[in-house]
C-alpha atoms as a PDB file:
ATOM      1  CA  MET A   1     105.907  93.759  75.288  1.00  0.00           C
ATOM      2  CA  ALA A   2     109.054  94.168  77.199  1.00  0.00           C
ATOM      3  CA  SER A   3     110.664  94.889  80.699  1.00  0.00           C
ATOM      4  CA  VAL A   4     112.485  98.138  81.564  1.00  0.00           C
ATOM      5  CA  SER A   5     115.039  98.850  83.752  1.00  0.00           C
ATOM      6  CA  PHE A   6     116.442 102.475  85.294  1.00  0.00           C
ATOM      7  CA  HIS A   7     119.831 102.163  86.912  1.00  0.00           C
ATOM      8  CA  ASN A   8     121.311 105.034  88.423  1.00  0.00           C
ATOM      9  CA  ILE A   9     119.473 107.703  86.514  1.00  0.00           C
ATOM     10  CA  TYR A  10     120.407 111.289  86.982  1.00  0.00           C
ATOM     11  CA  LYS A  11     119.250 114.293  84.990  1.00  0.00           C
ATOM     12  CA  ASN A  12     120.666 117.662  85.560  1.00  0.00           C
ATOM     13  CA  PHE A  13     119.444 121.068  84.012  1.00  0.00           C
ATOM     14  CA  GLY A  14     122.700 123.163  84.529  1.00  0.00           C
ATOM     15  CA  ASP A  15     123.143 123.099  87.937  1.00  0.00           C
ATOM     16  CA  VAL A  16     119.971 121.995  89.158  1.00  0.00           C
ATOM     17  CA  LYS A  17     119.363 118.007  89.603  1.00  0.00           C
ATOM     18  CA  VAL A  18     116.067 116.710  88.677  1.00  0.00           C
ATOM     19  CA  ILE A  19     116.599 113.209  88.918  1.00  0.00           C
ATOM     20  CA  ARG A  20     119.068 111.719  91.637  1.00  0.00           C
ATOM     21  CA  CYS A  21     120.272 107.998  91.083  1.00  0.00           C
ATOM     22  CA  ILE A  22     117.045 106.400  90.750  1.00  0.00           C
ATOM     23  CA  SER A  23     117.131 102.627  90.184  1.00  0.00           C
ATOM     24  CA  PHE A  24     114.089 100.376  89.756  1.00  0.00           C
ATOM     25  CA  ASP A  25     112.724  97.335  87.596  1.00  0.00           C
ATOM     26  CA  ILE A  26     109.220  97.199  85.093  1.00  0.00           C
ATOM     27  CA  GLN A  27     108.555  93.653  84.436  1.00  0.00           C
ATOM     28  CA  ASP A  28     107.157  92.570  81.207  1.00  0.00           C
ATOM     29  CA  GLY A  29     103.533  93.451  81.007  1.00  0.00           C
ATOM     30  CA  GLU A  30     103.264  95.510  84.031  1.00  0.00           C
ATOM     31  CA  PHE A  31     101.195  98.615  84.330  1.00  0.00           C
ATOM     32  CA  VAL A  32     103.592 100.798  86.654  1.00  0.00           C
ATOM     33  CA  VAL A  33     102.399 104.641  87.628  1.00  0.00           C
ATOM     34  CA  LEU A  34     104.769 107.288  88.298  1.00  0.00           C
ATOM     35  CA  VAL A  35     103.178 109.578  90.932  1.00  0.00           C
ATOM     36  CA  GLY A  36     104.474 112.550  92.929  1.00  0.00           C
ATOM     37  CA  PRO A  37     103.822 116.391  93.251  1.00  0.00           C
ATOM     38  CA  SER A  38     104.510 118.719  90.213  1.00  0.00           C
ATOM     39  CA  GLY A  39     108.398 119.150  90.064  1.00  0.00           C
ATOM     40  CA  CYS A  40     109.084 116.055  91.475  1.00  0.00           C
ATOM     41  CA  GLY A  41     110.593 114.642  88.271  1.00  0.00           C
ATOM     42  CA  LYS A  42     108.239 112.177  87.147  1.00  0.00           C
ATOM     43  CA  SER A  43     107.575 113.347  83.225  1.00  0.00           C
ATOM     44  CA  THR A  44     111.214 114.097  82.898  1.00  0.00           C
ATOM     45  CA  LEU A  45     112.137 110.226  83.654  1.00  0.00           C
ATOM     46  CA  LEU A  46     109.260 109.148  81.390  1.00  0.00           C
ATOM     47  CA  ARG A  47     110.529 111.862  78.603  1.00  0.00           C
ATOM     48  CA  MET A  48     114.178 110.324  79.209  1.00  0.00           C
ATOM     49  CA  LEU A  49     112.931 106.462  78.803  1.00  0.00           C
ATOM     50  CA  ALA A  50     111.192 108.027  75.637  1.00  0.00           C
ATOM     51  CA  GLY A  51     114.288 109.318  74.327  1.00  0.00           C
ATOM     52  CA  LEU A  52     113.236 112.781  74.639  1.00  0.00           C
ATOM     53  CA  GLU A  53     115.692 114.167  76.927  1.00  0.00           C
ATOM     54  CA  ASP A  54     119.126 113.180  77.367  1.00  0.00           C
ATOM     55  CA  ILE A  55     120.665 111.392  80.327  1.00  0.00           C
ATOM     56  CA  SER A  56     123.171 112.621  82.669  1.00  0.00           C
ATOM     57  CA  ALA A  57     124.517 109.685  83.805  1.00  0.00           C
ATOM     58  CA  GLY A  58     123.227 105.814  84.230  1.00  0.00           C
ATOM     59  CA  GLU A  59     121.452 103.550  82.045  1.00  0.00           C
ATOM     60  CA  ILE A  60     118.172 102.813  80.638  1.00  0.00           C
ATOM     61  CA  GLN A  61     117.363  99.338  79.430  1.00  0.00           C
ATOM     62  CA  ILE A  62     114.587  97.715  77.450  1.00  0.00           C
ATOM     63  CA  ASP A  63     114.610  93.892  77.449  1.00  0.00           C
ATOM     64  CA  GLY A  64     118.188  94.146  78.552  1.00  0.00           C
ATOM     65  CA  ARG A  65     119.435  96.166  75.924  1.00  0.00           C
ATOM     66  CA  VAL A  66     121.059  99.799  76.682  1.00  0.00           C
ATOM     67  CA  ILE A  67     118.992 102.289  74.776  1.00  0.00           C
ATOM     68  CA  ASN A  68     120.817 105.319  75.775  1.00  0.00           C
ATOM     69  CA  GLU A  69     122.056 106.487  72.754  1.00  0.00           C
ATOM     70  CA  PHE A  70     119.169 104.880  70.757  1.00  0.00           C
ATOM     71  CA  GLU A  71     116.970 107.802  68.926  1.00  0.00           C
ATOM     72  CA  SER A  72     113.604 107.996  70.333  1.00  0.00           C
ATOM     73  CA  LYS A  73     111.793 106.080  66.849  1.00  0.00           C
ATOM     74  CA  ASP A  74     114.128 103.094  67.165  1.00  0.00           C
ATOM     75  CA  ARG A  75     113.162 102.418  70.937  1.00  0.00           C
ATOM     76  CA  ASP A  76     109.911 101.073  69.947  1.00  0.00           C
ATOM     77  CA  ILE A  77     108.032 102.654  72.182  1.00  0.00           C
ATOM     78  CA  ALA A  78     104.389 104.547  71.714  1.00  0.00           C
ATOM     79  CA  MET A  79     103.963 107.861  73.889  1.00  0.00           C
ATOM     80  CA  VAL A  80     100.156 109.130  74.469  1.00  0.00           C
ATOM     81  CA  PHE A  81     100.810 113.014  75.602  1.00  0.00           C
ATOM     82  CA  GLN A  82      98.461 115.463  77.644  1.00  0.00           C
ATOM     83  CA  SER A  83      97.594 117.695  74.839  1.00  0.00           C
ATOM     84  CA  TYR A  84      96.464 114.771  72.543  1.00  0.00           C
ATOM     85  CA  ALA A  85      99.086 116.089  69.992  1.00  0.00           C
ATOM     86  CA  LEU A  86      96.786 115.180  67.225  1.00  0.00           C
ATOM     87  CA  TYR A  87      97.008 116.510  63.351  1.00  0.00           C
ATOM     88  CA  PRO A  88      94.350 119.044  62.830  1.00  0.00           C
ATOM     89  CA  HIS A  89      94.519 118.560  59.154  1.00  0.00           C
ATOM     90  CA  MET A  90      94.157 114.852  59.160  1.00  0.00           C
ATOM     91  CA  THR A  91      90.916 112.922  60.072  1.00  0.00           C
ATOM     92  CA  VAL A  92      90.703 110.401  62.946  1.00  0.00           C
ATOM     93  CA  ARG A  93      92.030 107.355  60.362  1.00  0.00           C
ATOM     94  CA  GLU A  94      94.884 109.434  59.006  1.00  0.00           C
ATOM     95  CA  ASN A  95      96.056 110.328  62.548  1.00  0.00           C
ATOM     96  CA  MET A  96      96.351 106.629  63.640  1.00  0.00           C
ATOM     97  CA  ALA A  97      97.748 105.585  60.443  1.00  0.00           C
ATOM     98  CA  PHE A  98     100.630 108.459  60.064  1.00  0.00           C
ATOM     99  CA  SER A  99     103.345 106.351  61.811  1.00  0.00           C
ATOM    100  CA  LEU A 100     102.751 103.177  59.925  1.00  0.00           C
ATOM    101  CA  ARG A 101     102.943 105.640  56.909  1.00  0.00           C
ATOM    102  CA  LEU A 102     106.253 106.961  58.123  1.00  0.00           C
ATOM    103  CA  ARG A 103     107.343 103.772  58.391  1.00  0.00           C
ATOM    104  CA  LYS A 104     106.355 102.701  55.007  1.00  0.00           C
ATOM    105  CA  ALA A 105     104.267  99.895  56.196  1.00  0.00           C
ATOM    106  CA  ASP A 106     101.993  98.353  53.360  1.00  0.00           C
ATOM    107  CA  VAL A 107      98.538  99.289  52.781  1.00  0.00           C
ATOM    108  CA  ARG A 108      97.068  96.083  53.874  1.00  0.00           C
ATOM    109  CA  THR A 109      98.585  96.439  57.396  1.00  0.00           C
ATOM    110  CA  THR A 110      97.858  99.745  58.021  1.00  0.00           C
ATOM    111  CA  GLU A 111      94.384  99.361  57.231  1.00  0.00           C
ATOM    112  CA  GLU A 112      94.045  96.269  59.205  1.00  0.00           C
ATOM    113  CA  ARG A 113      96.026  97.771  62.248  1.00  0.00           C
ATOM    114  CA  VAL A 114      93.718 101.192  62.138  1.00  0.00           C
ATOM    115  CA  THR A 115      90.488  99.130  61.717  1.00  0.00           C
ATOM    116  CA  ASN A 116      91.749  96.676  64.951  1.00  0.00           C
ATOM    117  CA  ALA A 117      92.536  99.456  67.212  1.00  0.00           C
ATOM    118  CA  ALA A 118      89.178 101.422  65.971  1.00  0.00           C
ATOM    119  CA  ARG A 119      87.354  98.435  66.854  1.00  0.00           C
ATOM    120  CA  ILE A 120      88.974  98.233  70.421  1.00  0.00           C
ATOM    121  CA  LEU A 121      88.586 101.966  71.233  1.00  0.00           C
ATOM    122  CA  ASN A 122      85.008 102.168  69.862  1.00  0.00           C
ATOM    123  CA  LEU A 123      86.059 104.729  67.032  1.00  0.00           C
ATOM    124  CA  ASP A 124      84.467 102.782  63.989  1.00  0.00           C
ATOM    125  CA  LYS A 125      81.881 105.591  63.480  1.00  0.00           C
ATOM    126  CA  LEU A 126      84.217 108.436  63.848  1.00  0.00           C
ATOM    127  CA  LEU A 127      87.122 107.645  61.381  1.00  0.00           C
ATOM    128  CA  ASP A 128      86.228 109.950  58.651  1.00  0.00           C
ATOM    129  CA  ARG A 129      86.046 112.878  61.364  1.00  0.00           C
ATOM    130  CA  PHE A 130      88.628 115.519  62.078  1.00  0.00           C
ATOM    131  CA  PRO A 131      89.852 116.137  65.512  1.00  0.00           C
ATOM    132  CA  ARG A 132      87.794 119.435  65.724  1.00  0.00           C
ATOM    133  CA  GLU A 133      84.665 117.397  65.435  1.00  0.00           C
ATOM    134  CA  LEU A 134      85.497 115.234  68.254  1.00  0.00           C
ATOM    135  CA  SER A 135      85.130 115.531  72.352  1.00  0.00           C
ATOM    136  CA  GLY A 136      88.044 115.805  74.377  1.00  0.00           C
ATOM    137  CA  GLY A 137      87.542 111.967  75.464  1.00  0.00           C
ATOM    138  CA  GLN A 138      87.590 110.676  72.000  1.00  0.00           C
ATOM    139  CA  ARG A 139      90.747 112.607  70.793  1.00  0.00           C
ATOM    140  CA  GLN A 140      92.267 111.150  73.800  1.00  0.00           C
ATOM    141  CA  ARG A 141      91.151 107.999  72.330  1.00  0.00           C
ATOM    142  CA  VAL A 142      92.397 108.626  69.037  1.00  0.00           C
ATOM    143  CA  ALA A 143      95.637 109.167  70.518  1.00  0.00           C
ATOM    144  CA  MET A 144      95.721 106.126  72.141  1.00  0.00           C
ATOM    145  CA  GLY A 145      94.688 104.461  68.750  1.00  0.00           C
ATOM    146  CA  ARG A 146      97.486 105.875  67.344  1.00  0.00           C
ATOM    147  CA  ALA A 147      99.704 104.299  69.901  1.00  0.00           C
ATOM    148  CA  ILE A 148      98.342 101.087  69.618  1.00  0.00           C
ATOM    149  CA  VAL A 149      98.695 100.536  65.922  1.00  0.00           C
ATOM    150  CA  ARG A 150     102.407 100.809  66.083  1.00  0.00           C
ATOM    151  CA  ASP A 151     102.376  97.479  68.681  1.00  0.00           C
ATOM    152  CA  PRO A 152     105.346  98.979  70.379  1.00  0.00           C
ATOM    153  CA  LYS A 153     107.018  96.994  73.402  1.00  0.00           C
ATOM    154  CA  VAL A 154     106.465  99.843  75.688  1.00  0.00           C
ATOM    155  CA  PHE A 155     103.416 102.190  76.330  1.00  0.00           C
ATOM    156  CA  LEU A 156     104.025 105.696  77.694  1.00  0.00           C
ATOM    157  CA  PHE A 157     101.469 107.872  79.052  1.00  0.00           C
ATOM    158  CA  ASP A 158     102.201 111.435  80.181  1.00  0.00           C
ATOM    159  CA  GLU A 159      98.999 112.640  82.215  1.00  0.00           C
ATOM    160  CA  PRO A 160      96.794 111.628  79.567  1.00  0.00           C
ATOM    161  CA  LEU A 161      93.570 112.663  81.543  1.00  0.00           C
ATOM    162  CA  SER A 162      94.631 115.775  83.208  1.00  0.00           C
ATOM    163  CA  ASN A 163      92.483 118.004  80.190  1.00  0.00           C
ATOM    164  CA  LEU A 164      89.292 115.890  80.907  1.00  0.00           C
ATOM    165  CA  ASP A 165      86.483 116.466  83.016  1.00  0.00           C
ATOM    166  CA  ALA A 166      86.040 114.624  86.355  1.00  0.00           C
ATOM    167  CA  LYS A 167      83.189 112.563  84.604  1.00  0.00           C
ATOM    168  CA  LEU A 168      85.149 111.696  81.773  1.00  0.00           C
ATOM    169  CA  ARG A 169      88.444 111.043  83.456  1.00  0.00           C
ATOM    170  CA  VAL A 170      86.301 108.331  85.626  1.00  0.00           C
ATOM    171  CA  ALA A 171      85.522 106.589  82.712  1.00  0.00           C
ATOM    172  CA  MET A 172      88.752 107.013  80.490  1.00  0.00           C
ATOM    173  CA  ARG A 173      90.309 105.590  84.049  1.00  0.00           C
ATOM    174  CA  ALA A 174      88.647 102.724  83.451  1.00  0.00           C
ATOM    175  CA  GLU A 175      89.335 102.200  79.434  1.00  0.00           C
ATOM    176  CA  ILE A 176      92.965 102.478  79.975  1.00  0.00           C
ATOM    177  CA  LYS A 177      92.863  99.805  82.229  1.00  0.00           C
ATOM    178  CA  ALA A 178      90.643  97.409  80.554  1.00  0.00           C
ATOM    179  CA  LEU A 179      93.221  98.046  77.480  1.00  0.00           C
ATOM    180  CA  HIS A 180      96.066  97.008  79.282  1.00  0.00           C
ATOM    181  CA  GLN A 181      94.553  94.171  80.825  1.00  0.00           C
ATOM    182  CA  ARG A 182      93.722  93.104  76.833  1.00  0.00           C
ATOM    183  CA  LEU A 183      96.980  94.005  75.206  1.00  0.00           C
ATOM    184  CA  LYS A 184      98.950  93.286  78.082  1.00  0.00           C
ATOM    185  CA  THR A 185     101.678  95.444  76.848  1.00  0.00           C
ATOM    186  CA  THR A 186     104.132  96.798  79.521  1.00  0.00           C
ATOM    187  CA  THR A 187     102.760 100.571  80.814  1.00  0.00           C
ATOM    188  CA  VAL A 188     104.651 103.365  82.320  1.00  0.00           C
ATOM    189  CA  TYR A 189     101.888 105.936  83.063  1.00  0.00           C
ATOM    190  CA  VAL A 190     102.634 109.317  84.699  1.00  0.00           C
ATOM    191  CA  THR A 191     100.054 111.069  86.880  1.00  0.00           C
ATOM    192  CA  HIS A 192     100.080 113.781  90.018  1.00  0.00           C
ATOM    193  CA  ASP A 193      96.344 112.353  91.104  1.00  0.00           C
ATOM    194  CA  GLN A 194      96.794 109.522  93.301  1.00  0.00           C
ATOM    195  CA  ILE A 195      93.361 108.385  92.853  1.00  0.00           C
ATOM    196  CA  GLU A 196      94.545 107.698  89.242  1.00  0.00           C
ATOM    197  CA  ALA A 197      97.429 105.882  90.339  1.00  0.00           C
ATOM    198  CA  MET A 198      95.566 103.877  92.968  1.00  0.00           C
ATOM    199  CA  THR A 199      92.885 102.438  90.740  1.00  0.00           C
ATOM    200  CA  MET A 200      95.047 101.684  87.411  1.00  0.00           C
ATOM    201  CA  ALA A 201      98.359 100.576  88.757  1.00  0.00           C
ATOM    202  CA  ASP A 202      99.761  97.152  89.570  1.00  0.00           C
ATOM    203  CA  ARG A 203     102.696  99.147  91.226  1.00  0.00           C
ATOM    204  CA  ILE A 204     103.061 102.611  91.975  1.00  0.00           C
ATOM    205  CA  VAL A 205     106.378 104.518  91.948  1.00  0.00           C
ATOM    206  CA  VAL A 206     106.121 107.479  94.661  1.00  0.00           C
ATOM    207  CA  MET A 207     108.647 110.253  93.415  1.00  0.00           C
ATOM    208  CA  GLN A 208     109.527 113.269  95.650  1.00  0.00           C
ATOM    209  CA  ASN A 209     112.275 116.073  94.637  1.00  0.00           C
ATOM    210  CA  GLY A 210     113.948 113.641  91.903  1.00  0.00           C
ATOM    211  CA  ILE A 211     114.285 110.544  94.254  1.00  0.00           C
ATOM    212  CA  VAL A 212     112.048 107.428  94.802  1.00  0.00           C
ATOM    213  CA  GLU A 213     110.190 107.125  98.008  1.00  0.00           C
ATOM    214  CA  GLN A 214     108.426 104.098  97.737  1.00  0.00           C
ATOM    215  CA  ILE A 215     107.582 101.517  95.181  1.00  0.00           C
ATOM    216  CA  GLY A 216     104.725  99.205  95.873  1.00  0.00           C
ATOM    217  CA  THR A 217     101.256  97.949  94.826  1.00  0.00           C
ATOM    218  CA  PRO A 218      98.475 100.181  95.886  1.00  0.00           C
ATOM    219  CA  LEU A 219      97.502  98.557  98.948  1.00  0.00           C
ATOM    220  CA  GLU A 220     100.834  98.209 100.287  1.00  0.00           C
ATOM    221  CA  LEU A 221     101.527 102.013  99.857  1.00  0.00           C
ATOM    222  CA  PHE A 222      98.047 102.588 101.667  1.00  0.00           C
ATOM    223  CA  ASP A 223      98.431 100.387 104.290  1.00  0.00           C
ATOM    224  CA  ARG A 224     102.464 100.461 105.344  1.00  0.00           C
ATOM    225  CA  PRO A 225     103.522 103.803 103.943  1.00  0.00           C
ATOM    226  CA  CYS A 226     107.097 104.251 104.572  1.00  0.00           C
ATOM    227  CA  ASN A 227     107.462 107.634 105.679  1.00  0.00           C
ATOM    228  CA  LEU A 228     105.358 110.613 106.241  1.00  0.00           C
ATOM    229  CA  PHE A 229     105.395 112.016 102.622  1.00  0.00           C
ATOM    230  CA  VAL A 230     104.081 108.799 101.341  1.00  0.00           C
ATOM    231  CA  ALA A 231     101.678 108.430 104.354  1.00  0.00           C
ATOM    232  CA  GLN A 232      99.998 111.772 103.343  1.00  0.00           C
ATOM    233  CA  PHE A 233     100.457 111.726  99.653  1.00  0.00           C
ATOM    234  CA  ILE A 234      98.823 108.117  99.098  1.00  0.00           C
ATOM    235  CA  GLY A 235      94.585 108.311 100.051  1.00  0.00           C
ATOM    236  CA  SER A 236      91.822 110.495  99.818  1.00  0.00           C
ATOM    237  CA  PRO A 237      91.246 112.430 101.924  1.00  0.00           C
ATOM    238  CA  ALA A 238      94.794 113.000 103.529  1.00  0.00           C
ATOM    239  CA  MET A 239      95.831 110.748 106.598  1.00  0.00           C
ATOM    240  CA  ASN A 240      95.495 112.578 109.745  1.00  0.00           C
ATOM    241  CA  VAL A 241      98.642 113.311 111.220  1.00  0.00           C
ATOM    242  CA  LEU A 242      99.501 114.843 114.873  1.00  0.00           C
ATOM    243  CA  LYS A 243     102.653 115.296 116.796  1.00  0.00           C
ATOM    244  CA  GLY A 244     103.212 113.988 120.069  1.00  0.00           C
ATOM    245  CA  THR A 245     105.039 112.085 122.936  1.00  0.00           C
ATOM    246  CA  VAL A 246     105.104 108.322 123.424  1.00  0.00           C
ATOM    247  CA  GLN A 247     104.205 107.333 126.904  1.00  0.00           C
ATOM    248  CA  GLY A 248     102.890 104.044 128.203  1.00  0.00           C
ATOM    249  CA  GLY A 249     101.770 102.658 124.811  1.00  0.00           C
ATOM    250  CA  TYR A 250      99.862 105.927 123.689  1.00  0.00           C
ATOM    251  CA  VAL A 251     100.997 108.931 121.681  1.00  0.00           C
ATOM    252  CA  HIS A 252      99.927 111.971 123.985  1.00  0.00           C
ATOM    253  CA  ALA A 253      99.161 114.575 121.183  1.00  0.00           C
ATOM    254  CA  LEU A 254      96.197 117.411 121.715  1.00  0.00           C
ATOM    255  CA  GLU A 255      95.995 116.758 125.145  1.00  0.00           C
ATOM    256  CA  THR A 256      94.365 113.448 124.498  1.00  0.00           C
ATOM    257  CA  LYS A 257      96.130 109.961 124.560  1.00  0.00           C
ATOM    258  CA  TRP A 258      96.083 107.973 121.281  1.00  0.00           C
ATOM    259  CA  GLN A 259      96.645 103.979 121.419  1.00  0.00           C
ATOM    260  CA  ILE A 260      99.279 102.490 118.988  1.00  0.00           C
ATOM    261  CA  ASN A 261      99.976  99.488 118.032  1.00  0.00           C
ATOM    262  CA  SER A 262     101.481  96.780 120.828  1.00  0.00           C
ATOM    263  CA  ASN A 263     103.330  95.060 117.985  1.00  0.00           C
ATOM    264  CA  ILE A 264     105.241  98.481 117.200  1.00  0.00           C
ATOM    265  CA  THR A 265     108.594  97.702 118.845  1.00  0.00           C
ATOM    266  CA  THR A 266     110.803 100.359 117.338  1.00  0.00           C
ATOM    267  CA  VAL A 267     109.528 103.272 119.327  1.00  0.00           C
ATOM    268  CA  SER A 268     110.808 104.226 122.890  1.00  0.00           C
ATOM    269  CA  GLU A 269     109.470 105.632 126.051  1.00  0.00           C
ATOM    270  CA  GLY A 270     109.386 109.737 125.512  1.00  0.00           C
ATOM    271  CA  GLN A 271     110.130 109.458 121.596  1.00  0.00           C
ATOM    272  CA  GLN A 272     108.523 112.051 119.705  1.00  0.00           C
ATOM    273  CA  VAL A 273     106.616 111.327 116.965  1.00  0.00           C
ATOM    274  CA  TYR A 274     104.062 111.504 114.406  1.00  0.00           C
ATOM    275  CA  PHE A 275     101.188 109.707 115.057  1.00  0.00           C
ATOM    276  CA  GLY A 276      98.817 108.797 111.758  1.00  0.00           C
ATOM    277  CA  ILE A 277      95.197 107.651 111.504  1.00  0.00           C
ATOM    278  CA  ARG A 278      93.447 107.530 108.129  1.00  0.00           C
ATOM    279  CA  PRO A 279      89.967 109.324 108.026  1.00  0.00           C
ATOM    280  CA  SER A 280      88.256 106.038 106.922  1.00  0.00           C
ATOM    281  CA  ASP A 281      89.514 104.594 110.048  1.00  0.00           C
ATOM    282  CA  LEU A 282      88.091 106.833 112.319  1.00  0.00           C
ATOM    283  CA  SER A 283      84.783 106.206 113.430  1.00  0.00           C
ATOM    284  CA  LEU A 284      81.749 107.686 115.865  1.00  0.00           C
ATOM    285  CA  ALA A 285      81.260 106.594 119.155  1.00  0.00           C
ATOM    286  CA  SER A 286      79.412 107.039 122.822  1.00  0.00           C
ATOM    287  CA  SER A 287      82.677 107.271 124.507  1.00  0.00           C
ATOM    288  CA  GLY A 288      86.210 107.864 123.463  1.00  0.00           C
ATOM    289  CA  ILE A 289      88.308 111.219 122.183  1.00  0.00           C
ATOM    290  CA  ALA A 290      85.862 114.211 121.833  1.00  0.00           C
ATOM    291  CA  ALA A 291      85.822 116.384 118.857  1.00  0.00           C
ATOM    292  CA  LYS A 292      83.806 119.340 117.688  1.00  0.00           C
ATOM    293  CA  VAL A 293      82.071 118.979 114.453  1.00  0.00           C
ATOM    294  CA  VAL A 294      83.224 121.992 112.232  1.00  0.00           C
ATOM    295  CA  VAL A 295      81.719 120.941 108.627  1.00  0.00           C
ATOM    296  CA  VAL A 296      79.590 117.981 107.751  1.00  0.00           C
ATOM    297  CA  GLU A 297      79.817 117.121 103.836  1.00  0.00           C
ATOM    298  CA  PRO A 298      77.631 114.247 102.575  1.00  0.00           C
ATOM    299  CA  THR A 299      78.425 112.550  99.259  1.00  0.00           C
ATOM    300  CA  GLY A 300      75.486 110.097  99.643  1.00  0.00           C
ATOM    301  CA  ALA A 301      77.337 106.825  99.918  1.00  0.00           C
ATOM    302  CA  GLU A 302      79.729 108.547 102.600  1.00  0.00           C
ATOM    303  CA  THR A 303      79.678 111.672 104.891  1.00  0.00           C
ATOM    304  CA  GLU A 304      82.959 113.502 105.623  1.00  0.00           C
ATOM    305  CA  LEU A 305      83.402 115.137 108.855  1.00  0.00           C
ATOM    306  CA  LEU A 306      85.774 118.097 109.605  1.00  0.00           C
ATOM    307  CA  LEU A 307      86.411 118.034 113.322  1.00  0.00           C
ATOM    308  CA  GLN A 308      88.382 120.094 115.421  1.00  0.00           C
ATOM    309  CA  ILE A 309      90.394 118.809 118.637  1.00  0.00           C
ATOM    310  CA  GLY A 310      92.310 121.663 120.232  1.00  0.00           C
ATOM    311  CA  GLU A 311      93.904 123.455 117.544  1.00  0.00           C
ATOM    312  CA  GLN A 312      94.041 120.795 114.938  1.00  0.00           C
ATOM    313  CA  SER A 313      91.809 119.888 112.230  1.00  0.00           C
ATOM    314  CA  ILE A 314      90.975 116.206 111.794  1.00  0.00           C
ATOM    315  CA  THR A 315      88.966 114.439 108.920  1.00  0.00           C
ATOM    316  CA  LEU A 316      86.577 111.758 109.536  1.00  0.00           C
ATOM    317  CA  VAL A 317      84.682 109.594 106.538  1.00  0.00           C
ATOM    318  CA  MET A 318      81.778 107.356 107.446  1.00  0.00           C
ATOM    319  CA  HIS A 319      79.573 105.221 105.140  1.00  0.00           C
ATOM    320  CA  GLY A 320      76.329 106.344 104.955  1.00  0.00           C
ATOM    321  CA  ARG A 321      74.501 109.755 106.514  1.00  0.00           C
ATOM    322  CA  THR A 322      74.508 111.311 109.884  1.00  0.00           C
ATOM    323  CA  SER A 323      72.514 113.386 112.450  1.00  0.00           C
ATOM    324  CA  VAL A 324      75.273 115.347 113.608  1.00  0.00           C
ATOM    325  CA  ASN A 325      75.512 119.279 113.020  1.00  0.00           C
ATOM    326  CA  PRO A 326      78.370 121.961 113.401  1.00  0.00           C
ATOM    327  CA  ASP A 327      79.312 122.854 116.839  1.00  0.00           C
ATOM    328  CA  ASP A 328      77.860 119.375 117.948  1.00  0.00           C
ATOM    329  CA  ILE A 329      80.455 117.482 120.354  1.00  0.00           C
ATOM    330  CA  VAL A 330      81.059 113.830 119.107  1.00  0.00           C
ATOM    331  CA  TYR A 331      83.222 111.191 120.539  1.00  0.00           C
ATOM    332  CA  LEU A 332      85.887 109.279 118.116  1.00  0.00           C
ATOM    333  CA  GLN A 333      87.249 105.837 118.574  1.00  0.00           C
ATOM    334  CA  PHE A 334      89.755 103.590 115.798  1.00  0.00           C
ATOM    335  CA  ASP A 335      91.294 100.249 115.801  1.00  0.00           C
ATOM    336  CA  PRO A 336      95.279 100.658 116.992  1.00  0.00           C
ATOM    337  CA  ASN A 337      95.958  98.133 114.795  1.00  0.00           C
ATOM    338  CA  LYS A 338      95.230 101.005 111.911  1.00  0.00           C
ATOM    339  CA  ALA A 339      97.423 103.466 113.490  1.00  0.00           C
ATOM    340  CA  HIS A 340     100.632 104.533 111.967  1.00  0.00           C
ATOM    341  CA  VAL A 341     103.762 106.038 113.880  1.00  0.00           C
ATOM    342  CA  PHE A 342     106.735 108.023 112.103  1.00  0.00           C
ATOM    343  CA  ASP A 343     109.606 109.705 113.966  1.00  0.00           C
ATOM    344  CA  LEU A 344     109.997 113.145 114.222  1.00  0.00           C
ATOM    345  CA  SER A 345     113.148 113.784 113.243  1.00  0.00           C
ATOM    346  CA  SER A 346     113.688 111.266 110.234  1.00  0.00           C
ATOM    347  CA  GLU A 347     109.722 110.897 109.585  1.00  0.00           C
ATOM    348  CA  GLN A 348     110.610 107.406 108.748  1.00  0.00           C
ATOM    349  CA  ARG A 349     108.044 104.735 109.665  1.00  0.00           C
ATOM    350  CA  LEU A 350     108.392 103.321 113.000  1.00  0.00           C
END
């Protein structure tokens, strides 16, 4: 196990700045997820840590040692790719043992490590099969097993579940998290899926346009996003955001008054702001803010309502089921302590 540190990291492709002055630390044994929209630089940052991309400026350290000039094979890391990257002509056993054979490990050590990894990942009965004889989830487990047998200081995962169907993705998510809890190996995981990030991470690094927007635990990012981008990126469905003006403890938006938390002391009268409320923090009531029902989406345990107030759409998520129908007029209420307010110009949290 090992700690990882990024210090003032830059990465340029010609005149294009892909990574811009990124600095943060990953603790020994921590599971950190890099998340953000496509093109934000998260995979490039991971590849620089792996030694697959050169660093334009800055330092990357593993256990306090600067590894900028180290070859990938000398960094004591193991990477699991999106595409599995298995050798089609090798059996599962041979794929998992390949990196140890390259290191000229003795036969007994190789067999012990492959057997142990296969047991952890429930691959015992598949060791003599070829990749073409496996499902997508089984192939991904083989790729993980190939990483485990190396007993690296750091595991790197580059969107490993994006090729799997929804049900299998959920199952593999749990398997990877359980694997980390068992092995306690420092893990850096890249995804664009914020649900994966929320359910798996000890801490999440939210990136946009080559910079870090916020770092924190999943609940810290959900409850106190530092800016509008993080607020709308973290959480599904996305946070409802309205543009309005602060007047007398309310945000006036869509010809309606939205009460804000009285503890927010950084707002001033007449200030232009964004008002945010999560869909799960809205509820139906006998009176309150009027809205028109547009779509009702029952999912079993929950029901999602798409509502309209003036020209803007609002989402509400409620537990259980509802008798409301499209075109009905309903009334909304919410706890002002769960409202979020962001400055209109800077988009920073107030």
